[in-house]
């Protein structure tokens, strides 16, 4: 089996596992729908590839996903390099998202936290800060969920051990949320 054939086989197996996440996915859809239709905002965080996935997810609401419609507030917390580096320098990198949750988050807003390992210190602290501030939380995690398991209102765990497959699963789940919420917006 070639590297490509194995990647395709592993991706198919990962997507088949994701099918079992539909009940949790529907809970995430309702949280996002309730948040946006209630005049609240989405805050999204992640590192590296997860930051890129979070940026895409936030953009789907502020710009559009499939059809033209009203813009909704969704903020990618990994977007501002000057803010991230200032917080990292002054408070430590683990505070990079928590400070923004504290600044921008209000009760009934939703934090979407993405971590392929579930162990990213800045994502863990963002989830804890969000809970204390009365935000609802959705965590997209990988492997076993890591230290983040149990910290969010809704968890979507892609159980692959391969980061690339986890990221592909997260992207699929995020787009599925967008697709199901879009009809209500």
Protein backbone atom coordinates (compact mmCIF):
# COMPACT_ATOMS: atom_id res chain seq x y z
CA UNK A 1 0.00 0.00 0.00
CA UNK A 2 1.41 3.41 -0.96
CA UNK A 3 1.65 6.32 1.45
CA UNK A 4 -1.22 7.99 -0.39
CA UNK A 5 -3.43 4.88 -0.29
CA UNK A 6 -2.78 4.51 3.44
CA UNK A 7 -3.65 8.18 4.00
CA UNK A 8 -6.93 7.71 2.11
CA UNK A 9 -7.73 4.54 4.07
CA UNK A 10 -6.96 6.24 7.38
CA UNK A 11 -9.02 9.30 6.41
CA UNK A 12 -12.01 7.11 5.54
CA UNK A 13 -11.70 5.28 8.89
CA UNK A 14 -11.49 8.62 10.70
CA UNK A 15 -14.60 9.96 8.95
CA UNK A 16 -16.49 6.75 9.77
CA UNK A 17 -15.63 7.27 13.46
CA UNK A 18 -16.89 10.84 13.23
CA UNK A 19 -20.36 9.57 12.24
CA UNK A 20 -20.76 8.44 15.85
CA UNK A 21 -20.37 12.04 17.00
CA UNK A 22 -23.68 13.18 15.53
CA UNK A 23 -25.50 13.58 18.89
CA UNK A 24 -22.70 15.82 20.22
CA UNK A 25 -22.50 17.61 16.88
CA UNK A 26 -26.21 18.45 17.06
CA UNK A 27 -25.66 19.86 20.57
CA UNK A 28 -22.86 22.04 19.16
CA UNK A 29 -25.14 23.17 16.33
CA UNK A 30 -27.79 24.24 18.86
CA UNK A 31 -25.26 26.12 20.98
CA UNK A 32 -23.98 28.05 17.95
CA UNK A 33 -27.50 28.69 16.62
CA UNK A 34 -28.77 29.90 20.00
CA UNK A 35 -25.68 32.08 20.45
CA UNK A 36 -25.87 33.86 17.11
CA UNK A 37 -29.64 34.21 16.91
CA UNK A 38 -29.62 35.54 20.49
CA UNK A 39 -27.29 38.38 19.54
CA UNK A 40 -24.20 36.86 21.11
CA UNK A 41 -20.81 36.06 19.57
CA UNK A 42 -18.50 33.17 18.85
CA UNK A 43 -14.92 33.20 20.10
CA UNK A 44 -12.66 30.63 18.46
CA UNK A 45 -9.17 29.52 19.48
CA UNK A 46 -6.52 26.99 18.53
CA UNK A 47 -2.81 26.74 17.76
CA UNK A 48 -1.09 26.09 14.43
CA UNK A 49 -3.35 24.18 12.06
CA UNK A 50 -6.15 24.40 14.61
CA UNK A 51 -5.78 28.20 14.54
CA UNK A 52 -6.20 28.07 10.77
CA UNK A 53 -9.30 25.89 11.12
CA UNK A 54 -10.64 28.31 13.73
CA UNK A 55 -10.00 31.24 11.40
CA UNK A 56 -11.98 29.53 8.65
CA UNK A 57 -14.84 28.72 11.05
CA UNK A 58 -15.08 32.32 12.29
CA UNK A 59 -14.92 33.63 8.73
CA UNK A 60 -17.85 31.43 7.67
CA UNK A 61 -20.09 33.45 10.03
CA UNK A 62 -18.69 36.96 9.65
CA UNK A 63 -18.46 36.68 5.85
CA UNK A 64 -20.60 33.79 4.62
CA UNK A 65 -20.60 30.03 4.30
CA UNK A 66 -22.80 29.08 1.32
CA UNK A 67 -25.23 31.93 0.73
CA UNK A 68 -25.27 35.68 1.14
CA UNK A 69 -26.83 36.71 4.45
CA UNK A 70 -26.34 39.03 7.39
CA UNK A 71 -22.91 38.99 9.03
CA UNK A 72 -22.66 37.42 12.50
CA UNK A 73 -19.99 38.14 15.14
CA UNK A 74 -17.28 35.48 15.26
CA UNK A 75 -13.77 36.31 16.46
CA UNK A 76 -10.67 34.24 15.76
CA UNK A 77 -8.58 34.71 18.92
CA UNK A 78 -5.40 33.66 17.08
CA UNK A 79 -5.69 36.49 14.53
CA UNK A 80 -3.89 39.44 16.12
CA UNK A 81 -0.14 38.90 16.24
CA UNK A 82 0.55 42.05 18.25
CA UNK A 83 -2.00 41.08 20.92
CA UNK A 84 -0.77 37.47 21.09
CA UNK A 85 2.86 38.51 21.43
CA UNK A 86 2.10 41.21 24.00
CA UNK A 87 0.14 38.78 26.18
CA UNK A 88 2.80 36.11 25.68
CA UNK A 89 5.53 38.53 26.67
CA UNK A 90 3.74 40.16 29.61
CA UNK A 91 1.72 37.24 31.04
CA UNK A 92 3.00 34.04 29.40
CA UNK A 93 1.84 32.28 26.25
CA UNK A 94 -0.63 30.11 28.18
CA UNK A 95 -2.65 33.33 28.80
CA UNK A 96 -2.87 34.22 25.08
CA UNK A 97 -6.50 33.14 24.65
CA UNK A 98 -7.72 33.45 28.25
CA UNK A 99 -6.99 37.20 28.31
CA UNK A 100 -9.08 37.62 25.17
CA UNK A 101 -11.91 35.49 26.56
CA UNK A 102 -11.84 37.74 29.63
CA UNK A 103 -11.85 40.89 27.45
CA UNK A 104 -14.39 39.91 24.79
CA UNK A 105 -16.48 37.10 26.31
CA UNK A 106 -19.88 37.68 27.85
CA UNK A 107 -22.38 35.19 29.28
CA UNK A 108 -24.16 33.26 26.51
CA UNK A 109 -21.29 33.79 24.06
CA UNK A 110 -19.75 30.53 22.84
CA UNK A 111 -16.07 29.61 22.92
CA UNK A 112 -15.03 27.06 20.31
CA UNK A 113 -11.69 25.59 21.42
CA UNK A 114 -9.70 23.40 19.03
CA UNK A 115 -6.76 21.22 20.09
CA UNK A 116 -5.60 18.06 18.33
CA UNK A 117 -3.92 16.84 21.53
CA UNK A 118 -6.35 18.31 24.03
CA UNK A 119 -3.32 19.38 26.04
CA UNK A 120 -2.53 22.90 24.80
CA UNK A 121 -2.06 25.02 27.95
CA UNK A 122 -3.48 28.18 26.34
CA UNK A 123 -6.59 26.32 25.12
CA UNK A 124 -7.10 24.69 28.53
CA UNK A 125 -6.89 28.05 30.27
CA UNK A 126 -9.28 29.60 27.72
CA UNK A 127 -11.84 26.87 28.47
CA UNK A 128 -11.49 27.43 32.23
CA UNK A 129 -11.78 31.21 31.84
CA UNK A 130 -14.84 30.84 29.61
CA UNK A 131 -16.58 28.63 32.14
CA UNK A 132 -15.93 31.13 34.95
CA UNK A 133 -17.26 33.98 32.78
CA UNK A 134 -20.51 32.17 31.91
CA UNK A 135 -19.73 31.34 28.29
CA UNK A 136 -20.89 28.10 26.72
CA UNK A 137 -18.08 25.95 25.33
CA UNK A 138 -17.46 23.53 22.49
CA UNK A 139 -14.16 21.62 22.32
CA UNK A 140 -12.87 19.87 19.23
CA UNK A 141 -10.22 17.48 20.46
CA UNK A 142 -8.14 14.56 19.24
CA UNK A 143 -6.80 11.23 20.41
CA UNK A 144 -8.34 10.64 23.88
CA UNK A 145 -9.30 14.28 24.45
CA UNK A 146 -6.27 14.96 26.64
CA UNK A 147 -6.51 17.25 29.66
CA UNK A 148 -9.34 19.19 27.98
CA UNK A 149 -11.68 16.22 28.16
CA UNK A 150 -14.52 17.13 30.48
CA UNK A 151 -13.90 20.89 30.42
CA UNK A 152 -16.43 21.84 27.70
CA UNK A 153 -20.22 21.74 27.48
CA UNK A 154 -19.92 19.82 24.19
CA UNK A 155 -16.95 17.71 23.11
CA UNK A 156 -16.21 16.45 19.62
CA UNK A 157 -13.28 14.04 19.89
CA UNK A 158 -11.67 12.63 16.76
CA UNK A 159 -9.96 9.52 18.17
CA UNK A 160 -7.27 9.13 15.53
CA UNK A 161 -3.68 9.13 16.74
CA UNK A 162 -2.51 10.96 13.59
CA UNK A 163 -2.61 14.76 13.79
CA UNK A 164 -3.37 15.18 10.08
CA UNK A 165 -6.42 12.87 10.34
CA UNK A 166 -7.59 14.71 13.48
CA UNK A 167 -7.32 18.07 11.69
CA UNK A 168 -9.24 16.71 8.70
CA UNK A 169 -11.93 15.47 11.06
CA UNK A 170 -12.11 18.81 12.85
CA UNK A 171 -12.45 20.65 9.53
CA UNK A 172 -15.27 18.31 8.51
CA UNK A 173 -17.07 18.79 11.85
CA UNK A 174 -16.71 22.58 11.73
CA UNK A 175 -18.10 22.71 8.20
CA UNK A 176 -20.96 20.43 9.25
CA UNK A 177 -21.83 22.82 12.08
CA UNK A 178 -21.78 25.74 9.61
CA UNK A 179 -23.96 23.86 7.13
CA UNK A 180 -26.59 23.04 9.76
CA UNK A 181 -26.60 26.50 11.38
CA UNK A 182 -26.67 28.39 8.06
CA UNK A 183 -30.33 27.57 7.37
CA UNK A 184 -31.38 29.36 10.56
CA UNK A 185 -29.41 32.54 9.91
